Amino acid sequence: LADPQVDNEEITGFEAGYKFEKGSFKVNLNAYYTTWENRFLYTTGSYKEYDEAGFLFTDISQRHKGLELDVHYKPMTNLTLRGYGTVGNWEYDGTTPVKIRDNDSFTYVDNIEASLTGTKVGMAPQTTAGLGAAYDILPNKLSVDWNYYTDLYGEVDVEELGLASVNNEKYESEKLDAYSLFDLGITYNFTFGDNAIEIRGNAYNLFDNEYINQKDNYGYYYGNGFTWNLSAKYKF
């Protein structure tokens, strides 16, 4: 089992967009279609009796297509409303040789030929949506954002992929649960003598929602719970 030969990757993309603007209302719409050929991927995990294994995928093809929309509206001087939505369909295409290496001895221990046609590309949500508002209480600002993520899939599970290939079955990546997050931001400005000071506070995942945002060959990973930061800017 020799090292795999890796060709140059080939990426072809098409993109088209439309922008509409009338007064305080703005809309951007974008469509894309991308093919990714001869892709090489490396991931790690456990495999059979090997606790530390490396998986080398070669000649992978991917198809990414989707729509992206964002909207901004300012109904009054001190209020800005915004929203966005993305819908994607990202899939692998064709078959790929997978070489499996024992990372303790750096020797190859298995080699499978697997079909990935129609398998969803994982590790990032393919459909998202969000709403937000920013209110200026001059010279201060309050902002609230809601973000929704779905159509999120785990990384290809190599053992399950190999089993499906042996049984001549179609393999599909595991679909993870959708989740929502709320963020809050507050900006406070004041003067100190002739100089200005800006205090900015942000709270992320405001309601401490528990969610899984990744899955690889080692298992599941939770996203961040409630976090916050505070910054100060002194202008002189």
Protein backbone atom coordinates (compact mmCIF):
# COMPACT_ATOMS: atom_id res chain seq x y z
CA LEU A 1 0.00 0.00 0.00
CA ALA A 2 2.09 2.87 -1.30
CA ASP A 3 1.52 6.57 -0.73
CA PRO A 4 -1.34 7.82 -2.90
CA GLN A 5 -0.63 9.86 -6.01
CA VAL A 6 -2.30 13.26 -5.66
CA ASP A 7 -3.15 15.34 -8.72
CA ASN A 8 -3.75 19.06 -8.74
CA GLU A 9 -7.21 20.03 -7.53
CA GLU A 10 -9.55 21.57 -10.09
CA ILE A 11 -12.13 24.15 -8.99
CA THR A 12 -14.74 25.60 -11.33
CA GLY A 13 -17.23 28.13 -10.07
CA PHE A 14 -20.13 30.15 -11.42
CA GLU A 15 -21.76 32.96 -9.48
CA ALA A 16 -24.50 35.47 -10.23
CA GLY A 17 -25.96 38.19 -8.07
CA TYR A 18 -28.69 40.80 -8.01
CA LYS A 19 -28.81 43.93 -5.85
CA PHE A 20 -31.94 46.00 -5.23
CA GLU A 21 -31.93 49.31 -3.40
CA LYS A 22 -34.79 51.71 -2.80
CA GLY A 23 -34.52 54.35 -0.14
CA SER A 24 -33.66 52.66 3.15
CA PHE A 25 -34.46 49.15 1.84
CA LYS A 26 -31.64 46.99 0.43
CA VAL A 27 -31.68 43.40 -0.86
CA ASN A 28 -28.80 41.27 -2.12
CA LEU A 29 -29.41 37.91 -3.80
CA ASN A 30 -26.59 35.63 -4.86
CA ALA A 31 -26.54 32.21 -6.56
CA TYR A 32 -23.50 29.94 -6.89
CA TYR A 33 -22.50 26.61 -8.43
CA THR A 34 -19.05 25.16 -7.75
CA THR A 35 -17.39 21.89 -8.70
CA TRP A 36 -14.30 20.67 -6.87
CA GLU A 37 -12.42 17.83 -8.59
CA ASN A 38 -9.39 15.73 -7.60
CA ARG A 39 -9.71 16.80 -4.00
CA PHE A 40 -7.49 15.25 -1.34
CA LEU A 41 -8.77 14.91 2.23
CA TYR A 42 -7.06 13.65 5.34
CA THR A 43 -8.83 12.88 8.60
CA THR A 44 -8.05 10.88 11.72
CA GLY A 45 -9.95 8.60 14.05
CA SER A 46 -10.12 5.03 15.31
CA TYR A 47 -10.37 2.06 12.92
CA LYS A 48 -10.83 -1.57 13.93
CA GLU A 49 -8.04 -2.32 16.46
CA TYR A 50 -6.16 0.91 15.64
CA ASP A 51 -6.87 3.74 18.07
CA GLU A 52 -4.95 6.31 16.03
CA ALA A 53 -5.59 5.89 12.34
CA GLY A 54 -5.22 8.24 9.40
CA PHE A 55 -7.57 8.18 6.43
CA LEU A 56 -6.36 9.47 3.07
CA PHE A 57 -9.04 10.20 0.48
CA THR A 58 -7.96 10.94 -3.10
CA ASP A 59 -9.74 11.87 -6.30
CA ILE A 60 -12.76 13.25 -4.44
CA SER A 61 -15.34 15.30 -6.32
CA GLN A 62 -17.76 17.75 -4.71
CA ARG A 63 -20.69 19.78 -6.03
CA HIS A 64 -21.75 22.91 -4.17
CA LYS A 65 -24.78 24.93 -5.21
CA GLY A 66 -27.05 27.32 -3.38
CA LEU A 67 -28.70 30.69 -2.87
CA GLU A 68 -27.79 33.49 -0.45
CA LEU A 69 -30.08 36.37 0.51
CA ASP A 70 -29.57 39.31 2.84
CA VAL A 71 -31.92 42.21 3.56
CA HIS A 72 -31.39 45.54 5.33
CA TYR A 73 -34.18 47.96 6.20
CA LYS A 74 -34.05 51.22 8.13
CA PRO A 75 -37.66 52.13 9.02
CA MET A 76 -36.51 55.07 11.14
CA THR A 77 -33.31 57.01 11.68
CA ASN A 78 -32.20 55.13 14.79
CA LEU A 79 -33.45 51.61 13.97
CA THR A 80 -31.91 49.11 11.54
CA LEU A 81 -33.48 45.73 10.79
CA ARG A 82 -31.60 42.98 9.00
CA GLY A 83 -32.18 39.42 7.89
CA TYR A 84 -30.47 36.74 5.87
CA GLY A 85 -31.03 33.24 4.58
CA THR A 86 -28.87 30.70 2.78
CA VAL A 87 -29.95 27.43 1.18
CA GLY A 88 -27.27 25.05 -0.08
CA ASN A 89 -26.90 21.57 -1.46
CA TRP A 90 -23.33 20.31 -1.03
CA GLU A 91 -22.66 16.71 -2.03
CA TYR A 92 -19.81 14.40 -2.88
CA ASP A 93 -19.83 12.79 -6.31
CA GLY A 94 -18.23 9.60 -7.61
CA THR A 95 -15.99 6.99 -6.01
CA THR A 96 -12.81 7.49 -4.03
CA PRO A 97 -9.94 5.24 -2.95
CA VAL A 98 -9.35 5.47 0.81
CA LYS A 99 -6.01 4.41 2.23
CA ILE A 100 -6.00 3.74 5.98
CA ARG A 101 -2.80 4.17 7.97
CA ASP A 102 -1.83 3.17 11.49
CA ASN A 103 -0.46 6.45 12.80
CA ASP A 104 1.54 4.73 15.54
CA SER A 105 3.70 2.80 13.06
CA PHE A 106 3.01 4.94 9.97
CA THR A 107 2.20 1.83 7.94
CA TYR A 108 -0.86 1.36 5.74
CA VAL A 109 -3.21 -1.29 7.05
CA ASP A 110 -6.20 -1.21 4.70
CA ASN A 111 -7.42 0.13 1.40
CA ILE A 112 -11.05 0.52 0.31
CA GLU A 113 -12.83 1.85 -2.76
CA ALA A 114 -15.93 3.74 -1.70
CA SER A 115 -18.78 5.45 -3.48
CA LEU A 116 -19.67 8.88 -2.11
CA THR A 117 -22.21 9.88 -4.75
CA GLY A 118 -25.01 11.82 -3.09
CA THR A 119 -23.32 11.89 0.33
CA LYS A 120 -23.72 15.26 2.00
CA VAL A 121 -20.60 17.29 2.73
CA GLY A 122 -20.32 17.76 6.47
CA MET A 123 -18.84 20.04 9.12
CA ALA A 124 -20.77 23.20 8.13
CA PRO A 125 -24.53 23.98 8.04
CA GLN A 126 -25.91 24.03 4.51
CA THR A 127 -29.01 26.03 5.44
CA THR A 128 -28.94 29.10 7.70
CA ALA A 129 -31.21 32.01 8.55
CA GLY A 130 -31.05 35.00 10.82
CA LEU A 131 -32.79 38.15 11.99
CA GLY A 132 -31.29 41.13 13.76
CA ALA A 133 -32.02 44.63 14.95
CA ALA A 134 -29.82 47.53 16.00
CA TYR A 135 -31.24 50.51 17.88
CA ASP A 136 -29.27 53.71 18.32
CA ILE A 137 -29.89 55.58 21.55
CA LEU A 138 -27.43 58.28 20.61
CA PRO A 139 -24.62 58.05 21.28
CA ASN A 140 -25.20 54.46 22.41
CA LYS A 141 -26.34 51.33 20.57
CA LEU A 142 -28.19 48.10 21.39
CA SER A 143 -28.20 45.14 18.99
CA VAL A 144 -29.93 41.74 19.09
CA ASP A 145 -29.37 38.86 16.65
CA TRP A 146 -30.98 35.45 16.17
CA ASN A 147 -29.21 32.82 14.03
CA TYR A 148 -30.57 29.44 12.94
CA TYR A 149 -28.49 26.55 11.54
CA THR A 150 -29.72 23.33 9.95
CA ASP A 151 -28.83 20.73 7.30
CA LEU A 152 -25.60 20.08 9.21
CA TYR A 153 -23.88 16.74 8.67
CA GLY A 154 -21.03 14.93 10.35
CA GLU A 155 -17.73 14.13 8.72
CA VAL A 156 -17.61 10.92 6.69
CA ASP A 157 -17.38 7.95 9.09
CA VAL A 158 -14.75 5.77 7.44
CA GLU A 159 -15.71 2.51 9.17
CA GLU A 160 -19.38 2.91 8.23
CA LEU A 161 -18.35 3.92 4.71
CA GLY A 162 -16.22 0.79 4.38
CA LEU A 163 -19.04 -1.45 5.68
CA ALA A 164 -21.53 0.10 3.26
CA SER A 165 -19.08 -0.42 0.38
CA VAL A 166 -18.59 -4.11 1.25
CA ASN A 167 -22.38 -4.62 1.44
CA ASN A 168 -22.97 -2.62 -1.75
CA GLU A 169 -25.12 -0.14 0.18
CA LYS A 170 -25.41 3.62 -0.15
CA TYR A 171 -23.58 5.53 2.58
CA GLU A 172 -24.94 8.76 4.02
CA SER A 173 -23.32 11.10 6.55
CA GLU A 174 -25.16 11.49 9.84
CA LYS A 175 -27.46 14.50 9.97
CA LEU A 176 -27.10 16.54 13.15
CA ASP A 177 -29.86 18.44 14.95
CA ALA A 178 -30.67 22.02 13.99
CA TYR A 179 -30.00 24.74 16.55
CA SER A 180 -30.63 28.45 17.23
CA LEU A 181 -28.45 31.04 18.96
CA PHE A 182 -29.20 34.53 20.27
CA ASP A 183 -26.54 37.24 20.61
CA LEU A 184 -26.74 40.61 22.34
CA GLY A 185 -24.49 43.66 21.99
CA ILE A 186 -24.41 46.97 23.86
CA THR A 187 -22.24 50.01 23.10
CA TYR A 188 -21.96 52.86 25.61
CA ASN A 189 -20.18 56.12 24.78
CA PHE A 190 -19.21 58.93 27.12
CA THR A 191 -16.63 61.70 27.36
CA PHE A 192 -13.72 62.07 29.73
CA GLY A 193 -12.57 65.65 29.57
CA ASP A 194 -11.97 66.44 25.92
CA ASN A 195 -11.63 62.76 24.96
CA ALA A 196 -14.16 60.04 24.17
CA ILE A 197 -14.45 56.55 25.65
CA GLU A 198 -16.43 53.69 24.11
CA ILE A 199 -17.38 50.59 26.11
CA ARG A 200 -18.62 47.59 24.11
CA GLY A 201 -20.09 44.43 25.59
CA ASN A 202 -21.17 41.31 23.68
CA ALA A 203 -23.02 38.22 24.90
CA TYR A 204 -22.98 35.16 22.63
CA ASN A 205 -25.41 32.23 22.91
CA LEU A 206 -27.34 34.37 25.36
CA PHE A 207 -29.61 31.57 26.62
CA ASP A 208 -26.76 29.04 26.96
CA ASN A 209 -28.28 26.68 24.40
CA GLU A 210 -26.65 23.23 24.31
CA TYR A 211 -25.99 22.02 20.78
CA ILE A 212 -23.71 19.80 18.70
CA ASN A 213 -21.96 21.61 15.88
CA GLN A 214 -19.51 18.94 14.67
CA LYS A 215 -19.02 15.19 14.41
CA ASP A 216 -15.87 13.50 13.19
CA ASN A 217 -14.33 10.02 13.48
CA TYR A 218 -13.64 10.61 17.19
CA GLY A 219 -17.18 11.59 18.15
CA TYR A 220 -19.43 14.60 18.74
CA TYR A 221 -18.41 18.13 19.67
CA TYR A 222 -20.57 20.65 21.50
CA GLY A 223 -20.59 24.28 20.47
CA ASN A 224 -19.75 27.06 22.88
CA GLY A 225 -22.20 27.81 25.65
CA PHE A 226 -22.82 31.31 26.95
CA THR A 227 -19.76 33.52 26.44
CA TRP A 228 -19.19 37.25 26.68
CA ASN A 229 -16.54 39.87 26.11
CA LEU A 230 -16.02 43.47 27.12
CA SER A 231 -13.84 46.02 25.38
CA ALA A 232 -12.93 49.67 25.92
CA LYS A 233 -11.75 52.21 23.38
CA TYR A 234 -10.14 55.51 24.38
CA LYS A 235 -10.09 58.21 21.71
CA PHE A 236 -7.69 61.08 22.17
